[in-house]
Amino acid sequence: GHTDNVKISGKLVKVYPTNWELSAARAINVSKHIQQQGIDPTILSATAFGEYQPVADNATPEGRAKNRRIAIILLPKD
């Protein structure tokens, strides 16, 4: 899970005090969805990077949108 670098504010800050918590929730929700599709949960993991691995410039709305993302990485089962 990833986020942009805009500090969380308003009511959301009570649920996600930082972008790191938000990115963790994002990753966990995707993992849960994949599990619900029939994937064995013992082979899933969720990782949170917060704002620390941007793929775009956070100075623009378009860049921030690109940074709010998840990445699904597939590895061989063996």
PDB file of N, CA and C in Angstrom:
ATOM      1  N   GLY A   1       0.831  -1.182   0.000  1.00  0.00           N
ATOM      2  CA  GLY A   1       0.000   0.000   0.000  1.00  0.00           C
ATOM      3  C   GLY A   1       0.873   1.243   0.000  1.00  0.00           C
ATOM      4  N   HIS A   2       0.426   2.254  -0.719  1.00  0.00           N
ATOM      5  CA  HIS A   2       1.153   3.517  -0.847  1.00  0.00           C
ATOM      6  C   HIS A   2       0.178   4.680  -0.717  1.00  0.00           C
ATOM      7  N   THR A   3       0.702   5.839  -0.389  1.00  0.00           N
ATOM      8  CA  THR A   3      -0.099   7.058  -0.318  1.00  0.00           C
ATOM      9  C   THR A   3       0.686   8.216  -0.914  1.00  0.00           C
ATOM     10  N   ASP A   4       0.020   9.360  -1.039  1.00  0.00           N
ATOM     11  CA  ASP A   4       0.733  10.585  -1.378  1.00  0.00           C
ATOM     12  C   ASP A   4       1.322  11.149  -0.084  1.00  0.00           C
ATOM     13  N   ASN A   5       1.862  12.360  -0.131  1.00  0.00           N
ATOM     14  CA  ASN A   5       2.491  12.922   1.069  1.00  0.00           C
ATOM     15  C   ASN A   5       1.630  13.975   1.767  1.00  0.00           C
ATOM     16  N   VAL A   6       0.355  14.049   1.413  1.00  0.00           N
ATOM     17  CA  VAL A   6      -0.536  15.017   2.050  1.00  0.00           C
ATOM     18  C   VAL A   6      -0.967  14.468   3.406  1.00  0.00           C
ATOM     19  N   LYS A   7      -0.745  15.276   4.440  1.00  0.00           N
ATOM     20  CA  LYS A   7      -1.092  14.848   5.800  1.00  0.00           C
ATOM     21  C   LYS A   7      -2.603  14.629   5.915  1.00  0.00           C
ATOM     22  N   ILE A   8      -2.974  13.558   6.579  1.00  0.00           N
ATOM     23  CA  ILE A   8      -4.388  13.234   6.773  1.00  0.00           C
ATOM     24  C   ILE A   8      -4.999  14.232   7.756  1.00  0.00           C
ATOM     25  N   SER A   9      -6.234  14.644   7.472  1.00  0.00           N
ATOM     26  CA  SER A   9      -6.888  15.626   8.343  1.00  0.00           C
ATOM     27  C   SER A   9      -8.359  15.271   8.500  1.00  0.00           C
ATOM     28  N   GLY A  10      -9.042  16.049   9.311  1.00  0.00           N
ATOM     29  CA  GLY A  10     -10.467  15.852   9.516  1.00  0.00           C
ATOM     30  C   GLY A  10     -10.781  14.563  10.254  1.00  0.00           C
ATOM     31  N   LYS A  11     -11.931  14.008   9.967  1.00  0.00           N
ATOM     32  CA  LYS A  11     -12.392  12.800  10.647  1.00  0.00           C
ATOM     33  C   LYS A  11     -11.502  11.598  10.354  1.00  0.00           C
ATOM     34  N   LEU A  12     -10.894  11.557   9.178  1.00  0.00           N
ATOM     35  CA  LEU A  12     -10.045  10.419   8.812  1.00  0.00           C
ATOM     36  C   LEU A  12      -8.850  10.249   9.736  1.00  0.00           C
ATOM     37  N   VAL A  13      -8.373  11.343  10.321  1.00  0.00           N
ATOM     38  CA  VAL A  13      -7.186  11.263  11.178  1.00  0.00           C
ATOM     39  C   VAL A  13      -7.449  10.424  12.432  1.00  0.00           C
ATOM     40  N   LYS A  14      -8.709  10.284  12.806  1.00  0.00           N
ATOM     41  CA  LYS A  14      -9.046   9.438  13.955  1.00  0.00           C
ATOM     42  C   LYS A  14      -8.894   7.958  13.618  1.00  0.00           C
ATOM     43  N   VAL A  15      -9.105   7.614  12.366  1.00  0.00           N
ATOM     44  CA  VAL A  15      -8.991   6.229  11.914  1.00  0.00           C
ATOM     45  C   VAL A  15      -7.566   5.934  11.439  1.00  0.00           C
ATOM     46  N   TYR A  16      -6.993   6.880  10.703  1.00  0.00           N
ATOM     47  CA  TYR A  16      -5.647   6.734  10.140  1.00  0.00           C
ATOM     48  C   TYR A  16      -4.799   7.932  10.565  1.00  0.00           C
ATOM     49  N   PRO A  17      -4.098   7.831  11.696  1.00  0.00           N
ATOM     50  CA  PRO A  17      -3.329   8.977  12.194  1.00  0.00           C
ATOM     51  C   PRO A  17      -2.244   9.462  11.233  1.00  0.00           C
ATOM     52  N   THR A  18      -1.722   8.550  10.393  1.00  0.00           N
ATOM     53  CA  THR A  18      -0.684   8.930   9.435  1.00  0.00           C
ATOM     54  C   THR A  18      -0.935   8.229   8.098  1.00  0.00           C
ATOM     55  N   ASN A  19      -0.225   8.665   7.097  1.00  0.00           N
ATOM     56  CA  ASN A  19      -0.310   8.014   5.792  1.00  0.00           C
ATOM     57  C   ASN A  19       0.147   6.568   5.853  1.00  0.00           C
ATOM     58  N   TRP A  20       1.026   6.262   6.783  1.00  0.00           N
ATOM     59  CA  TRP A  20       1.495   4.888   6.908  1.00  0.00           C
ATOM     60  C   TRP A  20       0.334   3.954   7.288  1.00  0.00           C
ATOM     61  N   GLU A  21      -0.476   4.364   8.267  1.00  0.00           N
ATOM     62  CA  GLU A  21      -1.640   3.559   8.649  1.00  0.00           C
ATOM     63  C   GLU A  21      -2.641   3.443   7.491  1.00  0.00           C
ATOM     64  N   LEU A  22      -2.814   4.533   6.759  1.00  0.00           N
ATOM     65  CA  LEU A  22      -3.722   4.498   5.615  1.00  0.00           C
ATOM     66  C   LEU A  22      -3.219   3.522   4.557  1.00  0.00           C
ATOM     67  N   SER A  23      -1.927   3.547   4.277  1.00  0.00           N
ATOM     68  CA  SER A  23      -1.391   2.628   3.270  1.00  0.00           C
ATOM     69  C   SER A  23      -1.481   1.178   3.740  1.00  0.00           C
ATOM     70  N   ALA A  24      -1.341   0.952   5.048  1.00  0.00           N
ATOM     71  CA  ALA A  24      -1.490  -0.404   5.586  1.00  0.00           C
ATOM     72  C   ALA A  24      -2.922  -0.894   5.413  1.00  0.00           C
ATOM     73  N   ALA A  25      -3.883  -0.044   5.721  1.00  0.00           N
ATOM     74  CA  ALA A  25      -5.293  -0.417   5.556  1.00  0.00           C
ATOM     75  C   ALA A  25      -5.601  -0.697   4.093  1.00  0.00           C
ATOM     76  N   ARG A  26      -5.045   0.097   3.214  1.00  0.00           N
ATOM     77  CA  ARG A  26      -5.248  -0.107   1.779  1.00  0.00           C
ATOM     78  C   ARG A  26      -4.730  -1.487   1.364  1.00  0.00           C
ATOM     79  N   ALA A  27      -3.526  -1.836   1.806  1.00  0.00           N
ATOM     80  CA  ALA A  27      -2.926  -3.131   1.462  1.00  0.00           C
ATOM     81  C   ALA A  27      -3.700  -4.297   2.072  1.00  0.00           C
ATOM     82  N   ILE A  28      -4.109  -4.151   3.312  1.00  0.00           N
ATOM     83  CA  ILE A  28      -4.847  -5.218   3.993  1.00  0.00           C
ATOM     84  C   ILE A  28      -6.198  -5.445   3.320  1.00  0.00           C
ATOM     85  N   ASN A  29      -6.889  -4.377   2.943  1.00  0.00           N
ATOM     86  CA  ASN A  29      -8.190  -4.527   2.281  1.00  0.00           C
ATOM     87  C   ASN A  29      -8.063  -5.265   0.958  1.00  0.00           C
ATOM     88  N   VAL A  30      -7.009  -4.993   0.206  1.00  0.00           N
ATOM     89  CA  VAL A  30      -6.804  -5.701  -1.056  1.00  0.00           C
ATOM     90  C   VAL A  30      -6.494  -7.167  -0.774  1.00  0.00           C
ATOM     91  N   SER A  31      -5.680  -7.432   0.239  1.00  0.00           N
ATOM     92  CA  SER A  31      -5.368  -8.822   0.602  1.00  0.00           C
ATOM     93  C   SER A  31      -6.628  -9.578   1.009  1.00  0.00           C
ATOM     94  N   LYS A  32      -7.496  -8.938   1.777  1.00  0.00           N
ATOM     95  CA  LYS A  32      -8.758  -9.571   2.173  1.00  0.00           C
ATOM     96  C   LYS A  32      -9.620  -9.874   0.957  1.00  0.00           C
ATOM     97  N   HIS A  33      -9.666  -8.934   0.021  1.00  0.00           N
ATOM     98  CA  HIS A  33     -10.466  -9.141  -1.191  1.00  0.00           C
ATOM     99  C   HIS A  33      -9.924 -10.331  -1.990  1.00  0.00           C
ATOM    100  N   ILE A  34      -8.620 -10.408  -2.124  1.00  0.00           N
ATOM    101  CA  ILE A  34      -8.013 -11.525  -2.853  1.00  0.00           C
ATOM    102  C   ILE A  34      -8.327 -12.845  -2.147  1.00  0.00           C
ATOM    103  N   GLN A  35      -8.272 -12.843  -0.824  1.00  0.00           N
ATOM    104  CA  GLN A  35      -8.615 -14.047  -0.058  1.00  0.00           C
ATOM    105  C   GLN A  35     -10.061 -14.444  -0.322  1.00  0.00           C
ATOM    106  N   GLN A  36     -10.962 -13.485  -0.353  1.00  0.00           N
ATOM    107  CA  GLN A  36     -12.378 -13.767  -0.596  1.00  0.00           C
ATOM    108  C   GLN A  36     -12.621 -14.337  -1.993  1.00  0.00           C
ATOM    109  N   GLN A  37     -11.661 -14.140  -2.890  1.00  0.00           N
ATOM    110  CA  GLN A  37     -11.758 -14.693  -4.242  1.00  0.00           C
ATOM    111  C   GLN A  37     -11.241 -16.125  -4.302  1.00  0.00           C
ATOM    112  N   GLY A  38     -10.796 -16.656  -3.153  1.00  0.00           N
ATOM    113  CA  GLY A  38     -10.384 -18.050  -3.100  1.00  0.00           C
ATOM    114  C   GLY A  38      -8.890 -18.287  -2.975  1.00  0.00           C
ATOM    115  N   ILE A  39      -8.096 -17.238  -2.868  1.00  0.00           N
ATOM    116  CA  ILE A  39      -6.651 -17.414  -2.708  1.00  0.00           C
ATOM    117  C   ILE A  39      -6.342 -17.764  -1.252  1.00  0.00           C
ATOM    118  N   ASP A  40      -5.478 -18.737  -1.059  1.00  0.00           N
ATOM    119  CA  ASP A  40      -5.081 -19.207   0.270  1.00  0.00           C
ATOM    120  C   ASP A  40      -4.442 -18.061   1.069  1.00  0.00           C
ATOM    121  N   PRO A  41      -5.022 -17.679   2.197  1.00  0.00           N
ATOM    122  CA  PRO A  41      -4.485 -16.548   2.958  1.00  0.00           C
ATOM    123  C   PRO A  41      -3.100 -16.808   3.555  1.00  0.00           C
ATOM    124  N   THR A  42      -2.693 -18.070   3.634  1.00  0.00           N
ATOM    125  CA  THR A  42      -1.362 -18.347   4.198  1.00  0.00           C
ATOM    126  C   THR A  42      -0.236 -17.948   3.242  1.00  0.00           C
ATOM    127  N   ILE A  43      -0.588 -17.647   1.989  1.00  0.00           N
ATOM    128  CA  ILE A  43       0.449 -17.220   1.049  1.00  0.00           C
ATOM    129  C   ILE A  43       0.347 -15.728   0.721  1.00  0.00           C
ATOM    130  N   LEU A  44      -0.497 -15.002   1.446  1.00  0.00           N
ATOM    131  CA  LEU A  44      -0.663 -13.570   1.229  1.00  0.00           C
ATOM    132  C   LEU A  44       0.066 -12.773   2.298  1.00  0.00           C
ATOM    133  N   SER A  45       0.516 -11.595   1.929  1.00  0.00           N
ATOM    134  CA  SER A  45       1.057 -10.662   2.916  1.00  0.00           C
ATOM    135  C   SER A  45       0.715  -9.244   2.468  1.00  0.00           C
ATOM    136  N   ALA A  46       0.625  -8.346   3.424  1.00  0.00           N
ATOM    137  CA  ALA A  46       0.334  -6.944   3.138  1.00  0.00           C
ATOM    138  C   ALA A  46       1.474  -6.106   3.704  1.00  0.00           C
ATOM    139  N   THR A  47       1.949  -5.162   2.905  1.00  0.00           N
ATOM    140  CA  THR A  47       3.053  -4.302   3.308  1.00  0.00           C
ATOM    141  C   THR A  47       2.651  -2.854   3.091  1.00  0.00           C
ATOM    142  N   ALA A  48       3.045  -1.994   4.014  1.00  0.00           N
ATOM    143  CA  ALA A  48       2.714  -0.573   3.932  1.00  0.00           C
ATOM    144  C   ALA A  48       3.974   0.268   3.767  1.00  0.00           C
ATOM    145  N   PHE A  49       3.951   1.142   2.774  1.00  0.00           N
ATOM    146  CA  PHE A  49       5.079   2.039   2.534  1.00  0.00           C
ATOM    147  C   PHE A  49       4.722   3.506   2.767  1.00  0.00           C
ATOM    148  N   GLY A  50       3.446   3.792   3.017  1.00  0.00           N
ATOM    149  CA  GLY A  50       3.054   5.185   3.234  1.00  0.00           C
ATOM    150  C   GLY A  50       3.442   6.042   2.053  1.00  0.00           C
ATOM    151  N   GLU A  51       4.021   7.187   2.346  1.00  0.00           N
ATOM    152  CA  GLU A  51       4.409   8.145   1.303  1.00  0.00           C
ATOM    153  C   GLU A  51       5.862   7.979   0.854  1.00  0.00           C
ATOM    154  N   TYR A  52       6.533   6.941   1.335  1.00  0.00           N
ATOM    155  CA  TYR A  52       7.984   6.861   1.204  1.00  0.00           C
ATOM    156  C   TYR A  52       8.514   6.248  -0.084  1.00  0.00           C
ATOM    157  N   GLN A  53       7.665   5.803  -0.984  1.00  0.00           N
ATOM    158  CA  GLN A  53       8.111   5.278  -2.278  1.00  0.00           C
ATOM    159  C   GLN A  53       7.234   5.838  -3.397  1.00  0.00           C
ATOM    160  N   PRO A  54       7.265   7.154  -3.587  1.00  0.00           N
ATOM    161  CA  PRO A  54       6.419   7.746  -4.632  1.00  0.00           C
ATOM    162  C   PRO A  54       6.874   7.332  -6.027  1.00  0.00           C
ATOM    163  N   VAL A  55       5.918   7.250  -6.949  1.00  0.00           N
ATOM    164  CA  VAL A  55       6.223   6.986  -8.354  1.00  0.00           C
ATOM    165  C   VAL A  55       6.041   8.248  -9.190  1.00  0.00           C
ATOM    166  N   ALA A  56       5.494   9.287  -8.569  1.00  0.00           N
ATOM    167  CA  ALA A  56       5.237  10.545  -9.269  1.00  0.00           C
ATOM    168  C   ALA A  56       5.482  11.704  -8.314  1.00  0.00           C
ATOM    169  N   ASP A  57       5.526  12.897  -8.872  1.00  0.00           N
ATOM    170  CA  ASP A  57       5.757  14.115  -8.091  1.00  0.00           C
ATOM    171  C   ASP A  57       4.505  14.457  -7.281  1.00  0.00           C
ATOM    172  N   ASN A  58       4.679  14.631  -5.987  1.00  0.00           N
ATOM    173  CA  ASN A  58       3.547  14.978  -5.120  1.00  0.00           C
ATOM    174  C   ASN A  58       3.153  16.451  -5.219  1.00  0.00           C
ATOM    175  N   ALA A  59       3.812  17.210  -6.074  1.00  0.00           N
ATOM    176  CA  ALA A  59       3.524  18.639  -6.196  1.00  0.00           C
ATOM    177  C   ALA A  59       2.281  18.922  -7.038  1.00  0.00           C
ATOM    178  N   THR A  60       1.781  17.906  -7.741  1.00  0.00           N
ATOM    179  CA  THR A  60       0.602  18.104  -8.587  1.00  0.00           C
ATOM    180  C   THR A  60      -0.510  17.132  -8.182  1.00  0.00           C
ATOM    181  N   PRO A  61      -1.753  17.503  -8.430  1.00  0.00           N
ATOM    182  CA  PRO A  61      -2.855  16.575  -8.133  1.00  0.00           C
ATOM    183  C   PRO A  61      -2.716  15.262  -8.890  1.00  0.00           C
ATOM    184  N   GLU A  62      -2.266  15.322 -10.138  1.00  0.00           N
ATOM    185  CA  GLU A  62      -2.103  14.108 -10.937  1.00  0.00           C
ATOM    186  C   GLU A  62      -1.021  13.199 -10.345  1.00  0.00           C
ATOM    187  N   GLY A  63       0.068  13.790  -9.891  1.00  0.00           N
ATOM    188  CA  GLY A  63       1.143  13.013  -9.269  1.00  0.00           C
ATOM    189  C   GLY A  63       0.697  12.376  -7.967  1.00  0.00           C
ATOM    190  N   ARG A  64      -0.008  13.153  -7.145  1.00  0.00           N
ATOM    191  CA  ARG A  64      -0.511  12.603  -5.877  1.00  0.00           C
ATOM    192  C   ARG A  64      -1.471  11.449  -6.134  1.00  0.00           C
ATOM    193  N   ALA A  65      -2.310  11.561  -7.149  1.00  0.00           N
ATOM    194  CA  ALA A  65      -3.246  10.479  -7.491  1.00  0.00           C
ATOM    195  C   ALA A  65      -2.492   9.208  -7.866  1.00  0.00           C
ATOM    196  N   LYS A  66      -1.397   9.348  -8.607  1.00  0.00           N
ATOM    197  CA  LYS A  66      -0.599   8.179  -8.987  1.00  0.00           C
ATOM    198  C   LYS A  66       0.069   7.532  -7.773  1.00  0.00           C
ATOM    199  N   ASN A  67       0.364   8.319  -6.764  1.00  0.00           N
ATOM    200  CA  ASN A  67       1.030   7.794  -5.563  1.00  0.00           C
ATOM    201  C   ASN A  67       0.076   7.101  -4.607  1.00  0.00           C
ATOM    202  N   ARG A  68      -1.210   7.325  -4.752  1.00  0.00           N
ATOM    203  CA  ARG A  68      -2.206   6.633  -3.929  1.00  0.00           C
ATOM    204  C   ARG A  68      -2.557   5.324  -4.629  1.00  0.00           C
ATOM    205  N   ARG A  69      -1.850   4.254  -4.253  1.00  0.00           N
ATOM    206  CA  ARG A  69      -1.960   3.026  -5.026  1.00  0.00           C
ATOM    207  C   ARG A  69      -1.628   1.808  -4.175  1.00  0.00           C
ATOM    208  N   ILE A  70      -1.855   0.652  -4.751  1.00  0.00           N
ATOM    209  CA  ILE A  70      -1.357  -0.607  -4.199  1.00  0.00           C
ATOM    210  C   ILE A  70      -0.549  -1.281  -5.305  1.00  0.00           C
ATOM    211  N   ALA A  71       0.350  -2.142  -4.902  1.00  0.00           N
ATOM    212  CA  ALA A  71       1.112  -2.947  -5.861  1.00  0.00           C
ATOM    213  C   ALA A  71       0.894  -4.408  -5.494  1.00  0.00           C
ATOM    214  N   ILE A  72       0.573  -5.197  -6.483  1.00  0.00           N
ATOM    215  CA  ILE A  72       0.436  -6.643  -6.265  1.00  0.00           C
ATOM    216  C   ILE A  72       1.649  -7.304  -6.890  1.00  0.00           C
ATOM    217  N   ILE A  73       2.410  -7.999  -6.068  1.00  0.00           N
ATOM    218  CA  ILE A  73       3.628  -8.654  -6.523  1.00  0.00           C
ATOM    219  C   ILE A  73       3.426 -10.162  -6.436  1.00  0.00           C
ATOM    220  N   LEU A  74       3.607 -10.825  -7.548  1.00  0.00           N
ATOM    221  CA  LEU A  74       3.446 -12.280  -7.616  1.00  0.00           C
ATOM    222  C   LEU A  74       4.822 -12.938  -7.607  1.00  0.00           C
ATOM    223  N   LEU A  75       4.969 -13.921  -6.729  1.00  0.00           N
ATOM    224  CA  LEU A  75       6.219 -14.667  -6.635  1.00  0.00           C
ATOM    225  C   LEU A  75       5.938 -16.149  -6.855  1.00  0.00           C
ATOM    226  N   PRO A  76       6.918 -16.896  -7.348  1.00  0.00           N
ATOM    227  CA  PRO A  76       6.703 -18.339  -7.503  1.00  0.00           C
ATOM    228  C   PRO A  76       6.389 -18.986  -6.154  1.00  0.00           C
ATOM    229  N   LYS A  77       5.523 -19.970  -6.168  1.00  0.00           N
ATOM    230  CA  LYS A  77       5.086 -20.611  -4.925  1.00  0.00           C
ATOM    231  C   LYS A  77       6.170 -21.487  -4.301  1.00  0.00           C
ATOM    232  N   ASP A  78       7.111 -21.988  -5.063  1.00  0.00           N
ATOM    233  CA  ASP A  78       8.131 -22.875  -4.515  1.00  0.00           C
ATOM    234  C   ASP A  78       9.059 -22.091  -3.654  1.00  0.00           C
TER     235      ASP A  78
END
